[in-house]
Amino acid sequence: MTSPVLICGAIGAASYIIGSIPWAYVIGKINGIDIRQHGSGNVGATNVMRVLGKKWGYSCFLLDFLKGLLPVLAVKYIFANQKDMSVSVDAAMITAAVAVVCGHIWTIFLKFKGGKGMATGGGVLVAIAPYSFLCCGLAWVLFFYATRYVSVASIIAAAVLPISSYLFSKFDLWKLESSTQIFLLVLAILAIAKHHSNIKRLINGTENRFEKKKS
């Protein structure tokens, strides 16, 4: 039987490389720019949308979302159908999830400077805790349309994540292992921490907002 360390190492390495694909940077280059030199400078879908428009912004979000979703789903499928594995399904999924999010935030292709991980984290959530994803998505929509700040919506959605996952598990609506709940808590803290520059701009009143189009 293969060593659990080797199995988790292989899962982690593959997921990290997939997560490291900087789609925002790639899309920027397709359009002849370095996205890091425009808008907020963030290598993420929101900045792509702000600089290059909705078509490219939505495309970037979808690609970042899928790179979080697909590796975790693949691991879940493989390990759920192999009864003689030395690593549990939950451990394998968390390993993939951690690695793919870390790849996005600290991409090896851009000197370990990537995006904030919201879209990729969303993909991970669909695979691990879909009910919590729906709660986070609802919170994001409500606070975005209430404030027109993507950063505020993202921070609130991140805060909702560990709370909703705990409540769903507590009331047996979607049972999660304690290790998975800890991972979701860490993911939420990391997502909020990555918005530190946005928080400073919100306090200073200089944060960019998406204004409603005038009819």
N, C-alpha and C. Protein backbone atom coordinates (compact mmCIF):
# COMPACT_ATOMS: atom_id res chain seq x y z
N MET A 1 0.85 -1.20 0.00
CA MET A 1 0.00 0.00 0.00
C MET A 1 0.88 1.25 0.00
N THR A 2 0.56 2.20 -0.85
CA THR A 2 1.35 3.42 -0.96
C THR A 2 1.25 4.26 0.31
N SER A 3 2.35 4.88 0.69
CA SER A 3 2.40 5.70 1.89
C SER A 3 1.41 6.87 1.80
N PRO A 4 0.66 7.15 2.89
CA PRO A 4 -0.26 8.29 2.90
C PRO A 4 0.45 9.61 2.62
N VAL A 5 1.70 9.72 3.10
CA VAL A 5 2.46 10.95 2.88
C VAL A 5 2.71 11.16 1.39
N LEU A 6 3.08 10.08 0.69
CA LEU A 6 3.33 10.18 -0.74
C LEU A 6 2.05 10.51 -1.51
N ILE A 7 0.95 9.89 -1.09
CA ILE A 7 -0.33 10.14 -1.76
C ILE A 7 -0.74 11.60 -1.59
N CYS A 8 -0.70 12.09 -0.35
CA CYS A 8 -1.08 13.48 -0.08
C CYS A 8 -0.12 14.45 -0.75
N GLY A 9 1.16 14.07 -0.80
CA GLY A 9 2.14 14.91 -1.47
C GLY A 9 1.85 15.05 -2.95
N ALA A 10 1.48 13.93 -3.58
CA ALA A 10 1.16 13.95 -5.01
C ALA A 10 -0.09 14.77 -5.27
N ILE A 11 -1.10 14.58 -4.42
CA ILE A 11 -2.35 15.35 -4.56
C ILE A 11 -2.07 16.83 -4.39
N GLY A 12 -1.29 17.16 -3.36
CA GLY A 12 -0.98 18.55 -3.08
C GLY A 12 -0.19 19.21 -4.20
N ALA A 13 0.80 18.51 -4.73
CA ALA A 13 1.63 19.08 -5.79
C ALA A 13 0.81 19.33 -7.06
N ALA A 14 0.01 18.34 -7.45
CA ALA A 14 -0.81 18.48 -8.66
C ALA A 14 -1.83 19.60 -8.50
N SER A 15 -2.48 19.65 -7.34
CA SER A 15 -3.50 20.68 -7.10
C SER A 15 -2.87 22.07 -7.04
N TYR A 16 -1.70 22.17 -6.45
CA TYR A 16 -1.02 23.46 -6.36
C TYR A 16 -0.69 24.00 -7.75
N ILE A 17 -0.19 23.13 -8.62
CA ILE A 17 0.15 23.56 -9.98
C ILE A 17 -1.10 24.04 -10.72
N ILE A 18 -2.20 23.28 -10.57
CA ILE A 18 -3.46 23.69 -11.21
C ILE A 18 -3.92 25.03 -10.65
N GLY A 19 -3.87 25.17 -9.33
CA GLY A 19 -4.28 26.43 -8.71
C GLY A 19 -3.40 27.60 -9.08
N SER A 20 -2.16 27.32 -9.42
CA SER A 20 -1.21 28.38 -9.74
C SER A 20 -1.42 29.01 -11.12
N ILE A 21 -2.22 28.39 -11.96
CA ILE A 21 -2.45 28.96 -13.29
C ILE A 21 -3.10 30.34 -13.13
N PRO A 22 -2.40 31.42 -13.45
CA PRO A 22 -2.92 32.78 -13.21
C PRO A 22 -3.79 33.26 -14.37
N TRP A 23 -5.02 32.84 -14.37
CA TRP A 23 -5.88 33.14 -15.51
C TRP A 23 -6.05 34.63 -15.74
N ALA A 24 -6.10 35.41 -14.68
CA ALA A 24 -6.23 36.87 -14.86
C ALA A 24 -5.02 37.42 -15.61
N TYR A 25 -3.85 36.92 -15.27
CA TYR A 25 -2.63 37.36 -15.95
C TYR A 25 -2.65 36.91 -17.41
N VAL A 26 -3.06 35.66 -17.65
CA VAL A 26 -3.12 35.12 -19.01
C VAL A 26 -4.09 35.94 -19.86
N ILE A 27 -5.27 36.22 -19.30
CA ILE A 27 -6.27 37.01 -20.03
C ILE A 27 -5.74 38.41 -20.32
N GLY A 28 -5.02 38.98 -19.35
CA GLY A 28 -4.42 40.28 -19.57
C GLY A 28 -3.44 40.25 -20.74
N LYS A 29 -2.61 39.22 -20.78
CA LYS A 29 -1.63 39.10 -21.86
C LYS A 29 -2.30 38.90 -23.21
N ILE A 30 -3.43 38.16 -23.22
CA ILE A 30 -4.18 37.99 -24.46
C ILE A 30 -4.63 39.34 -25.00
N ASN A 31 -4.92 40.25 -24.07
CA ASN A 31 -5.36 41.59 -24.45
C ASN A 31 -4.22 42.61 -24.49
N GLY A 32 -3.00 42.12 -24.41
CA GLY A 32 -1.84 42.99 -24.58
C GLY A 32 -1.44 43.81 -23.37
N ILE A 33 -1.87 43.39 -22.16
CA ILE A 33 -1.51 44.15 -20.96
C ILE A 33 -1.05 43.20 -19.85
N ASP A 34 -0.36 43.77 -18.88
CA ASP A 34 -0.04 43.06 -17.65
C ASP A 34 -1.06 43.52 -16.61
N ILE A 35 -1.99 42.66 -16.26
CA ILE A 35 -3.09 43.05 -15.37
C ILE A 35 -2.59 43.58 -14.04
N ARG A 36 -1.37 43.22 -13.67
CA ARG A 36 -0.80 43.69 -12.40
C ARG A 36 -0.47 45.18 -12.42
N GLN A 37 -0.42 45.74 -13.63
CA GLN A 37 -0.09 47.15 -13.79
C GLN A 37 -1.33 48.01 -14.03
N HIS A 38 -2.51 47.43 -13.87
CA HIS A 38 -3.74 48.17 -14.15
C HIS A 38 -4.76 47.96 -13.03
N GLY A 39 -5.66 48.93 -12.91
CA GLY A 39 -6.70 48.82 -11.89
C GLY A 39 -6.11 48.72 -10.50
N SER A 40 -6.60 47.74 -9.74
CA SER A 40 -6.10 47.53 -8.38
C SER A 40 -4.78 46.78 -8.36
N GLY A 41 -4.42 46.19 -9.52
CA GLY A 41 -3.20 45.40 -9.58
C GLY A 41 -3.38 43.96 -9.14
N ASN A 42 -4.59 43.62 -8.70
CA ASN A 42 -4.85 42.26 -8.23
C ASN A 42 -5.00 41.30 -9.41
N VAL A 43 -4.46 40.10 -9.23
CA VAL A 43 -4.54 39.08 -10.29
C VAL A 43 -5.80 38.26 -10.06
N GLY A 44 -6.96 38.88 -10.32
CA GLY A 44 -8.23 38.22 -10.07
C GLY A 44 -9.31 38.71 -11.01
N ALA A 45 -10.46 38.05 -10.93
CA ALA A 45 -11.56 38.32 -11.86
C ALA A 45 -12.13 39.73 -11.73
N THR A 46 -12.22 40.24 -10.50
CA THR A 46 -12.78 41.58 -10.32
C THR A 46 -11.96 42.63 -11.03
N ASN A 47 -10.65 42.53 -10.90
CA ASN A 47 -9.78 43.51 -11.56
C ASN A 47 -9.83 43.34 -13.07
N VAL A 48 -9.93 42.11 -13.55
CA VAL A 48 -10.07 41.87 -14.99
C VAL A 48 -11.35 42.51 -15.50
N MET A 49 -12.44 42.35 -14.75
CA MET A 49 -13.71 42.95 -15.16
C MET A 49 -13.62 44.47 -15.18
N ARG A 50 -12.97 45.03 -14.17
CA ARG A 50 -12.85 46.48 -14.09
C ARG A 50 -12.01 47.04 -15.25
N VAL A 51 -10.96 46.31 -15.62
CA VAL A 51 -10.03 46.81 -16.64
C VAL A 51 -10.45 46.42 -18.05
N LEU A 52 -10.91 45.18 -18.23
CA LEU A 52 -11.17 44.65 -19.58
C LEU A 52 -12.64 44.42 -19.90
N GLY A 53 -13.52 44.60 -18.92
CA GLY A 53 -14.94 44.45 -19.20
C GLY A 53 -15.53 43.14 -18.70
N LYS A 54 -16.85 43.07 -18.79
CA LYS A 54 -17.58 41.94 -18.21
C LYS A 54 -17.25 40.60 -18.87
N LYS A 55 -17.11 40.58 -20.18
CA LYS A 55 -16.86 39.32 -20.88
C LYS A 55 -15.60 38.65 -20.34
N TRP A 56 -14.52 39.39 -20.27
CA TRP A 56 -13.27 38.82 -19.78
C TRP A 56 -13.32 38.59 -18.28
N GLY A 57 -14.02 39.46 -17.55
CA GLY A 57 -14.14 39.29 -16.11
C GLY A 57 -14.88 38.02 -15.74
N TYR A 58 -16.01 37.77 -16.41
CA TYR A 58 -16.78 36.55 -16.15
C TYR A 58 -16.00 35.31 -16.58
N SER A 59 -15.27 35.42 -17.69
CA SER A 59 -14.46 34.29 -18.16
C SER A 59 -13.39 33.95 -17.14
N CYS A 60 -12.76 34.98 -16.59
CA CYS A 60 -11.72 34.76 -15.59
C CYS A 60 -12.30 34.14 -14.33
N PHE A 61 -13.47 34.63 -13.91
CA PHE A 61 -14.11 34.07 -12.71
C PHE A 61 -14.41 32.59 -12.92
N LEU A 62 -14.96 32.25 -14.08
CA LEU A 62 -15.31 30.86 -14.35
C LEU A 62 -14.07 29.96 -14.35
N LEU A 63 -13.00 30.42 -14.96
CA LEU A 63 -11.77 29.63 -15.02
C LEU A 63 -11.16 29.44 -13.62
N ASP A 64 -11.16 30.51 -12.83
CA ASP A 64 -10.64 30.42 -11.46
C ASP A 64 -11.54 29.52 -10.60
N PHE A 65 -12.84 29.62 -10.83
CA PHE A 65 -13.80 28.79 -10.10
C PHE A 65 -13.58 27.31 -10.41
N LEU A 66 -13.42 27.00 -11.68
CA LEU A 66 -13.25 25.61 -12.11
C LEU A 66 -11.94 25.01 -11.61
N LYS A 67 -10.90 25.83 -11.52
CA LYS A 67 -9.63 25.27 -11.05
C LYS A 67 -9.68 24.97 -9.55
N GLY A 68 -10.68 25.52 -8.86
CA GLY A 68 -10.91 25.13 -7.47
C GLY A 68 -11.83 23.93 -7.36
N LEU A 69 -12.82 23.88 -8.23
CA LEU A 69 -13.83 22.82 -8.19
C LEU A 69 -13.32 21.47 -8.70
N LEU A 70 -12.73 21.46 -9.88
CA LEU A 70 -12.42 20.21 -10.57
C LEU A 70 -11.38 19.33 -9.85
N PRO A 71 -10.28 19.87 -9.34
CA PRO A 71 -9.33 19.00 -8.64
C PRO A 71 -9.93 18.32 -7.41
N VAL A 72 -10.74 19.07 -6.65
CA VAL A 72 -11.34 18.51 -5.44
C VAL A 72 -12.39 17.45 -5.80
N LEU A 73 -13.18 17.72 -6.84
CA LEU A 73 -14.16 16.72 -7.28
C LEU A 73 -13.47 15.47 -7.82
N ALA A 74 -12.37 15.65 -8.54
CA ALA A 74 -11.64 14.51 -9.08
C ALA A 74 -11.10 13.63 -7.96
N VAL A 75 -10.52 14.26 -6.96
CA VAL A 75 -10.00 13.52 -5.80
C VAL A 75 -11.13 12.81 -5.07
N LYS A 76 -12.26 13.49 -4.90
CA LYS A 76 -13.41 12.90 -4.22
C LYS A 76 -13.89 11.65 -4.96
N TYR A 77 -13.96 11.75 -6.28
CA TYR A 77 -14.43 10.62 -7.09
C TYR A 77 -13.45 9.45 -7.00
N ILE A 78 -12.17 9.73 -7.14
CA ILE A 78 -11.15 8.68 -7.14
C ILE A 78 -11.11 7.95 -5.80
N PHE A 79 -11.10 8.72 -4.72
CA PHE A 79 -10.94 8.10 -3.40
C PHE A 79 -12.24 7.47 -2.90
N ALA A 80 -13.38 7.97 -3.34
CA ALA A 80 -14.66 7.37 -2.93
C ALA A 80 -14.87 6.01 -3.57
N ASN A 81 -14.19 5.77 -4.69
CA ASN A 81 -14.36 4.51 -5.41
C ASN A 81 -13.19 3.54 -5.22
N GLN A 82 -12.29 3.86 -4.30
CA GLN A 82 -11.16 2.98 -4.01
C GLN A 82 -11.16 2.67 -2.52
N LYS A 83 -11.59 1.48 -2.16
CA LYS A 83 -11.75 1.12 -0.75
C LYS A 83 -10.43 0.76 -0.06
N ASP A 84 -9.39 0.49 -0.82
CA ASP A 84 -8.13 0.07 -0.21
C ASP A 84 -7.13 1.21 -0.10
N MET A 85 -7.58 2.45 -0.26
CA MET A 85 -6.70 3.60 -0.14
C MET A 85 -6.27 3.80 1.31
N SER A 86 -5.03 4.25 1.52
CA SER A 86 -4.52 4.49 2.87
C SER A 86 -4.84 5.90 3.36
N VAL A 87 -5.49 6.70 2.51
CA VAL A 87 -5.88 8.07 2.86
C VAL A 87 -7.39 8.18 2.73
N SER A 88 -8.04 8.80 3.71
CA SER A 88 -9.49 8.95 3.68
C SER A 88 -9.91 9.95 2.62
N VAL A 89 -11.17 9.87 2.22
CA VAL A 89 -11.69 10.81 1.23
C VAL A 89 -11.59 12.24 1.74
N ASP A 90 -11.96 12.46 3.01
CA ASP A 90 -11.92 13.82 3.58
C ASP A 90 -10.50 14.38 3.57
N ALA A 91 -9.53 13.56 3.97
CA ALA A 91 -8.13 14.02 4.01
C ALA A 91 -7.63 14.36 2.61
N ALA A 92 -8.00 13.53 1.64
CA ALA A 92 -7.57 13.78 0.26
C ALA A 92 -8.19 15.06 -0.29
N MET A 93 -9.49 15.27 0.00
CA MET A 93 -10.17 16.46 -0.50
C MET A 93 -9.62 17.74 0.14
N ILE A 94 -9.35 17.69 1.44
CA ILE A 94 -8.81 18.87 2.11
C ILE A 94 -7.41 19.19 1.58
N THR A 95 -6.62 18.14 1.35
CA THR A 95 -5.28 18.34 0.79
C THR A 95 -5.36 19.05 -0.55
N ALA A 96 -6.25 18.56 -1.42
CA ALA A 96 -6.42 19.18 -2.73
C ALA A 96 -6.93 20.61 -2.60
N ALA A 97 -7.89 20.81 -1.69
CA ALA A 97 -8.48 22.14 -1.51
C ALA A 97 -7.45 23.15 -1.02
N VAL A 98 -6.69 22.77 -0.01
CA VAL A 98 -5.66 23.67 0.54
C VAL A 98 -4.65 24.02 -0.55
N ALA A 99 -4.20 23.01 -1.27
CA ALA A 99 -3.16 23.23 -2.28
C ALA A 99 -3.63 24.10 -3.42
N VAL A 100 -4.86 23.88 -3.89
CA VAL A 100 -5.33 24.64 -5.04
C VAL A 100 -5.57 26.11 -4.67
N VAL A 101 -6.06 26.38 -3.47
CA VAL A 101 -6.25 27.76 -3.02
C VAL A 101 -4.89 28.43 -2.81
N CYS A 102 -3.95 27.72 -2.19
CA CYS A 102 -2.61 28.28 -2.00
C CYS A 102 -1.95 28.56 -3.35
N GLY A 103 -2.19 27.69 -4.33
CA GLY A 103 -1.65 27.92 -5.66
C GLY A 103 -2.16 29.21 -6.27
N HIS A 104 -3.44 29.49 -6.06
CA HIS A 104 -4.01 30.72 -6.61
C HIS A 104 -3.46 31.96 -5.90
N ILE A 105 -3.38 31.89 -4.59
CA ILE A 105 -2.93 33.05 -3.81
C ILE A 105 -1.43 33.27 -3.94
N TRP A 106 -0.67 32.18 -3.95
CA TRP A 106 0.79 32.26 -4.05
C TRP A 106 1.25 31.46 -5.27
N THR A 107 0.95 31.96 -6.45
CA THR A 107 1.25 31.22 -7.67
C THR A 107 2.75 31.18 -7.96
N ILE A 108 3.21 30.01 -8.30
CA ILE A 108 4.63 29.83 -8.61
C ILE A 108 5.01 30.53 -9.90
N PHE A 109 4.03 30.83 -10.75
CA PHE A 109 4.30 31.43 -12.05
C PHE A 109 4.47 32.95 -11.99
N LEU A 110 4.10 33.58 -10.87
CA LEU A 110 4.22 35.03 -10.73
C LEU A 110 4.96 35.40 -9.46
N LYS A 111 6.02 34.68 -9.18
CA LYS A 111 6.87 34.92 -8.01
C LYS A 111 6.07 34.88 -6.72
N PHE A 112 5.13 33.94 -6.67
CA PHE A 112 4.32 33.67 -5.48
C PHE A 112 3.41 34.83 -5.08
N LYS A 113 3.01 35.63 -6.06
CA LYS A 113 2.06 36.71 -5.81
C LYS A 113 0.85 36.51 -6.73
N GLY A 114 -0.28 36.13 -6.15
CA GLY A 114 -1.47 35.85 -6.94
C GLY A 114 -2.67 36.65 -6.51
N GLY A 115 -3.85 36.04 -6.65
CA GLY A 115 -5.10 36.72 -6.33
C GLY A 115 -5.53 36.50 -4.89
N LYS A 116 -6.77 36.87 -4.61
CA LYS A 116 -7.30 36.78 -3.25
C LYS A 116 -7.95 35.43 -2.96
N GLY A 117 -8.22 34.64 -3.98
CA GLY A 117 -8.73 33.28 -3.78
C GLY A 117 -10.23 33.14 -3.65
N MET A 118 -11.00 34.18 -3.94
CA MET A 118 -12.44 34.10 -3.74
C MET A 118 -13.10 33.16 -4.75
N ALA A 119 -12.81 33.32 -6.03
CA ALA A 119 -13.43 32.45 -7.04
C ALA A 119 -12.96 31.01 -6.90
N THR A 120 -11.66 30.83 -6.71
CA THR A 120 -11.12 29.48 -6.54
C THR A 120 -11.66 28.85 -5.26
N GLY A 121 -11.73 29.64 -4.20
CA GLY A 121 -12.32 29.15 -2.95
C GLY A 121 -13.78 28.78 -3.12
N GLY A 122 -14.49 29.52 -3.97
CA GLY A 122 -15.88 29.19 -4.25
C GLY A 122 -16.02 27.84 -4.92
N GLY A 123 -15.12 27.54 -5.85
CA GLY A 123 -15.13 26.24 -6.50
C GLY A 123 -14.88 25.12 -5.51
N VAL A 124 -13.94 25.34 -4.61
CA VAL A 124 -13.65 24.37 -3.55
C VAL A 124 -14.88 24.14 -2.69
N LEU A 125 -15.58 25.22 -2.36
CA LEU A 125 -16.77 25.12 -1.50
C LEU A 125 -17.87 24.28 -2.13
N VAL A 126 -18.08 24.45 -3.42
CA VAL A 126 -19.12 23.66 -4.09
C VAL A 126 -18.85 22.18 -3.93
N ALA A 127 -17.59 21.79 -3.99
CA ALA A 127 -17.22 20.38 -3.87
C ALA A 127 -17.30 19.88 -2.44
N ILE A 128 -16.98 20.74 -1.47
CA ILE A 128 -16.89 20.30 -0.07
C ILE A 128 -18.15 20.62 0.73
N ALA A 129 -18.65 21.84 0.59
CA ALA A 129 -19.78 22.29 1.42
C ALA A 129 -20.74 23.14 0.58
N PRO A 130 -21.52 22.51 -0.29
CA PRO A 130 -22.38 23.26 -1.21
C PRO A 130 -23.41 24.15 -0.54
N TYR A 131 -23.95 23.73 0.61
CA TYR A 131 -24.93 24.57 1.30
C TYR A 131 -24.28 25.86 1.81
N SER A 132 -23.08 25.73 2.32
CA SER A 132 -22.36 26.92 2.78
C SER A 132 -22.04 27.83 1.60
N PHE A 133 -21.73 27.23 0.46
CA PHE A 133 -21.48 28.03 -0.74
C PHE A 133 -22.71 28.86 -1.09
N LEU A 134 -23.89 28.25 -1.01
CA LEU A 134 -25.12 28.99 -1.32
C LEU A 134 -25.33 30.14 -0.34
N CYS A 135 -25.05 29.90 0.93
CA CYS A 135 -25.19 30.96 1.95
C CYS A 135 -24.21 32.10 1.67
N CYS A 136 -22.97 31.73 1.36
CA CYS A 136 -21.95 32.74 1.05
C CYS A 136 -22.32 33.51 -0.21
N GLY A 137 -22.82 32.79 -1.20
CA GLY A 137 -23.22 33.44 -2.44
C GLY A 137 -24.36 34.43 -2.23
N LEU A 138 -25.33 34.03 -1.41
CA LEU A 138 -26.45 34.91 -1.11
C LEU A 138 -25.97 36.15 -0.36
N ALA A 139 -25.09 35.95 0.62
CA ALA A 139 -24.55 37.08 1.38
C ALA A 139 -23.78 38.02 0.45
N TRP A 140 -23.02 37.44 -0.47
CA TRP A 140 -22.24 38.27 -1.40
C TRP A 140 -23.17 39.13 -2.25
N VAL A 141 -24.20 38.52 -2.82
CA VAL A 141 -25.12 39.25 -3.68
C VAL A 141 -25.82 40.38 -2.91
N LEU A 142 -26.31 40.05 -1.73
CA LEU A 142 -27.03 41.05 -0.93
C LEU A 142 -26.15 42.25 -0.59
N PHE A 143 -24.93 41.97 -0.13
CA PHE A 143 -24.07 43.07 0.30
C PHE A 143 -23.44 43.81 -0.87
N PHE A 144 -23.27 43.13 -2.00
CA PHE A 144 -22.75 43.84 -3.16
C PHE A 144 -23.79 44.85 -3.66
N TYR A 145 -25.03 44.41 -3.80
CA TYR A 145 -26.06 45.33 -4.30
C TYR A 145 -26.44 46.39 -3.28
N ALA A 146 -26.17 46.11 -2.01
CA ALA A 146 -26.46 47.10 -0.98
C ALA A 146 -25.36 48.18 -0.92
N THR A 147 -24.11 47.78 -1.18
CA THR A 147 -22.99 48.70 -1.02
C THR A 147 -22.28 49.05 -2.33
N ARG A 148 -22.39 48.16 -3.34
CA ARG A 148 -21.68 48.27 -4.61
C ARG A 148 -20.17 48.09 -4.44
N TYR A 149 -19.76 47.55 -3.29
CA TYR A 149 -18.35 47.25 -3.06
C TYR A 149 -18.14 45.74 -3.16
N VAL A 150 -17.32 45.29 -4.09
CA VAL A 150 -17.00 43.87 -4.19
C VAL A 150 -16.26 43.40 -2.95
N SER A 151 -15.38 44.25 -2.44
CA SER A 151 -14.58 43.87 -1.27
C SER A 151 -15.46 43.65 -0.04
N VAL A 152 -16.42 44.52 0.18
CA VAL A 152 -17.32 44.36 1.33
C VAL A 152 -18.12 43.06 1.19
N ALA A 153 -18.65 42.82 0.01
CA ALA A 153 -19.42 41.60 -0.23
C ALA A 153 -18.56 40.36 -0.01
N SER A 154 -17.32 40.41 -0.46
CA SER A 154 -16.41 39.27 -0.34
C SER A 154 -16.03 39.02 1.11
N ILE A 155 -15.79 40.06 1.87
CA ILE A 155 -15.42 39.92 3.29
C ILE A 155 -16.59 39.34 4.08
N ILE A 156 -17.79 39.84 3.83
CA ILE A 156 -18.98 39.33 4.53
C ILE A 156 -19.21 37.87 4.16
N ALA A 157 -19.09 37.54 2.87
CA ALA A 157 -19.29 36.16 2.43
C ALA A 157 -18.29 35.24 3.11
N ALA A 158 -17.04 35.68 3.23
CA ALA A 158 -16.02 34.87 3.91
C ALA A 158 -16.37 34.66 5.37
N ALA A 159 -16.89 35.69 6.02
CA ALA A 159 -17.26 35.57 7.43
C ALA A 159 -18.43 34.61 7.64
N VAL A 160 -19.33 34.57 6.64
CA VAL A 160 -20.49 33.67 6.72
C VAL A 160 -20.08 32.20 6.61
N LEU A 161 -18.98 31.94 5.93
CA LEU A 161 -18.55 30.57 5.63
C LEU A 161 -18.43 29.67 6.86
N PRO A 162 -17.57 29.98 7.83
CA PRO A 162 -17.43 29.06 8.97
C PRO A 162 -18.68 28.98 9.83
N ILE A 163 -19.43 30.08 9.90
CA ILE A 163 -20.65 30.08 10.71
C ILE A 163 -21.69 29.15 10.09
N SER A 164 -21.89 29.27 8.79
CA SER A 164 -22.89 28.44 8.12
C SER A 164 -22.48 26.96 8.13
N SER A 165 -21.19 26.68 7.92
CA SER A 165 -20.75 25.28 7.90
C SER A 165 -20.93 24.64 9.28
N TYR A 166 -20.69 25.41 10.33
CA TYR A 166 -20.88 24.90 11.68
C TYR A 166 -22.36 24.61 11.95
N LEU A 167 -23.23 25.55 11.57
CA LEU A 167 -24.66 25.38 11.83
C LEU A 167 -25.26 24.23 11.01
N PHE A 168 -24.86 24.13 9.75
CA PHE A 168 -25.35 23.02 8.93
C PHE A 168 -24.92 21.68 9.50
N SER A 169 -23.71 21.62 10.00
CA SER A 169 -23.21 20.37 10.58
C SER A 169 -23.88 20.08 11.91
N LYS A 170 -24.05 21.11 12.72
CA LYS A 170 -24.66 20.94 14.04
C LYS A 170 -26.09 20.41 13.95
N PHE A 171 -26.82 20.89 12.95
CA PHE A 171 -28.22 20.48 12.81
C PHE A 171 -28.40 19.37 11.77
N ASP A 172 -27.29 18.71 11.44
CA ASP A 172 -27.29 17.54 10.55
C ASP A 172 -27.90 17.82 9.18
N LEU A 173 -27.74 19.05 8.69
CA LEU A 173 -28.22 19.38 7.36
C LEU A 173 -27.17 19.05 6.31
N TRP A 174 -25.90 19.21 6.66
CA TRP A 174 -24.78 18.81 5.82
C TRP A 174 -23.61 18.55 6.74
N LYS A 175 -23.46 17.32 7.15
CA LYS A 175 -22.47 16.94 8.16
C LYS A 175 -21.05 17.07 7.62
N LEU A 176 -20.21 17.76 8.37
CA LEU A 176 -18.81 17.92 8.00
C LEU A 176 -17.91 17.47 9.14
N GLU A 177 -16.80 16.84 8.79
CA GLU A 177 -15.82 16.47 9.80
C GLU A 177 -15.23 17.72 10.44
N SER A 178 -14.78 17.59 11.68
CA SER A 178 -14.20 18.74 12.38
C SER A 178 -12.99 19.29 11.63
N SER A 179 -12.22 18.41 11.00
CA SER A 179 -11.05 18.86 10.23
C SER A 179 -11.47 19.73 9.05
N THR A 180 -12.59 19.38 8.43
CA THR A 180 -13.09 20.17 7.30
C THR A 180 -13.59 21.52 7.78
N GLN A 181 -14.25 21.55 8.93
CA GLN A 181 -14.72 22.82 9.48
C GLN A 181 -13.56 23.73 9.84
N ILE A 182 -12.50 23.15 10.36
CA ILE A 182 -11.31 23.94 10.68
C ILE A 182 -10.71 24.52 9.40
N PHE A 183 -10.65 23.69 8.35
CA PHE A 183 -10.15 24.17 7.07
C PHE A 183 -10.98 25.35 6.56
N LEU A 184 -12.31 25.25 6.66
CA LEU A 184 -13.17 26.32 6.18
C LEU A 184 -12.99 27.59 7.01
N LEU A 185 -12.74 27.43 8.30
CA LEU A 185 -12.46 28.59 9.15
C LEU A 185 -11.16 29.27 8.73
N VAL A 186 -10.14 28.46 8.50
CA VAL A 186 -8.85 29.01 8.07
C VAL A 186 -8.98 29.68 6.70
N LEU A 187 -9.76 29.05 5.80
CA LEU A 187 -9.99 29.62 4.48
C LEU A 187 -10.66 30.98 4.58
N ALA A 188 -11.63 31.10 5.47
CA ALA A 188 -12.34 32.38 5.66
C ALA A 188 -11.39 33.45 6.21
N ILE A 189 -10.59 33.07 7.20
CA ILE A 189 -9.63 34.03 7.79
C ILE A 189 -8.63 34.48 6.74
N LEU A 190 -8.15 33.55 5.94
CA LEU A 190 -7.18 33.88 4.89
C LEU A 190 -7.80 34.81 3.85
N ALA A 191 -9.04 34.53 3.46
CA ALA A 191 -9.72 35.37 2.47
C ALA A 191 -9.88 36.80 2.98
N ILE A 192 -10.25 36.93 4.25
CA ILE A 192 -10.41 38.27 4.84
C ILE A 192 -9.06 38.97 4.94
N ALA A 193 -8.04 38.21 5.37
CA ALA A 193 -6.70 38.79 5.50
C ALA A 193 -6.17 39.30 4.15
N LYS A 194 -6.50 38.59 3.07
CA LYS A 194 -6.05 39.00 1.75
C LYS A 194 -6.71 40.30 1.29
N HIS A 195 -7.76 40.71 1.99
CA HIS A 195 -8.44 41.96 1.67
C HIS A 195 -7.96 43.12 2.55
N HIS A 196 -6.79 42.97 3.15
CA HIS A 196 -6.31 44.01 4.08
C HIS A 196 -6.16 45.37 3.40
N SER A 197 -5.70 45.38 2.15
CA SER A 197 -5.56 46.65 1.45
C SER A 197 -6.93 47.26 1.15
N ASN A 198 -7.90 46.41 0.84
CA ASN A 198 -9.27 46.90 0.60
C ASN A 198 -9.86 47.49 1.87
N ILE A 199 -9.59 46.83 2.99
CA ILE A 199 -10.11 47.32 4.27
C ILE A 199 -9.54 48.70 4.57
N LYS A 200 -8.25 48.89 4.30
CA LYS A 200 -7.63 50.20 4.52
C LYS A 200 -8.28 51.26 3.64
N ARG A 201 -8.53 50.91 2.38
CA ARG A 201 -9.16 51.86 1.46
C ARG A 201 -10.60 52.15 1.86
N LEU A 202 -11.30 51.14 2.39
CA LEU A 202 -12.67 51.37 2.86
C LEU A 202 -12.68 52.35 4.03
N ILE A 203 -11.73 52.19 4.93
CA ILE A 203 -11.62 53.09 6.08
C ILE A 203 -11.28 54.51 5.63
N ASN A 204 -10.41 54.61 4.61
CA ASN A 204 -9.99 55.92 4.11
C ASN A 204 -10.98 56.53 3.11
N GLY A 205 -11.98 55.72 2.70
CA GLY A 205 -12.97 56.22 1.75
C GLY A 205 -12.47 56.28 0.32
N THR A 206 -11.45 55.47 -0.01
CA THR A 206 -10.88 55.50 -1.35
C THR A 206 -11.07 54.18 -2.11
N GLU A 207 -11.87 53.29 -1.55
CA GLU A 207 -12.10 52.00 -2.22
C GLU A 207 -12.94 52.17 -3.47
N ASN A 208 -12.56 51.46 -4.54
CA ASN A 208 -13.33 51.51 -5.79
C ASN A 208 -14.66 50.79 -5.62
N ARG A 209 -15.69 51.31 -6.24
CA ARG A 209 -16.99 50.67 -6.20
C ARG A 209 -17.58 50.61 -7.60
N PHE A 210 -18.46 49.62 -7.81
CA PHE A 210 -19.13 49.48 -9.08
C PHE A 210 -20.40 50.33 -9.04
N GLU A 211 -20.41 51.40 -9.78
CA GLU A 211 -21.57 52.28 -9.78
C GLU A 211 -22.67 51.71 -10.68
N LYS A 212 -23.91 51.99 -10.32
CA LYS A 212 -25.04 51.58 -11.15
C LYS A 212 -25.05 52.37 -12.43
N LYS A 213 -25.34 51.67 -13.53
CA LYS A 213 -25.41 52.34 -14.82
C LYS A 213 -26.67 53.19 -14.87
N LYS A 214 -26.49 54.42 -15.33
CA LYS A 214 -27.64 55.33 -15.45
C LYS A 214 -28.41 55.03 -16.72
N SER A 215 -29.71 54.96 -16.57
CA SER A 215 -30.55 54.67 -17.74
C SER A 215 -30.75 55.93 -18.58
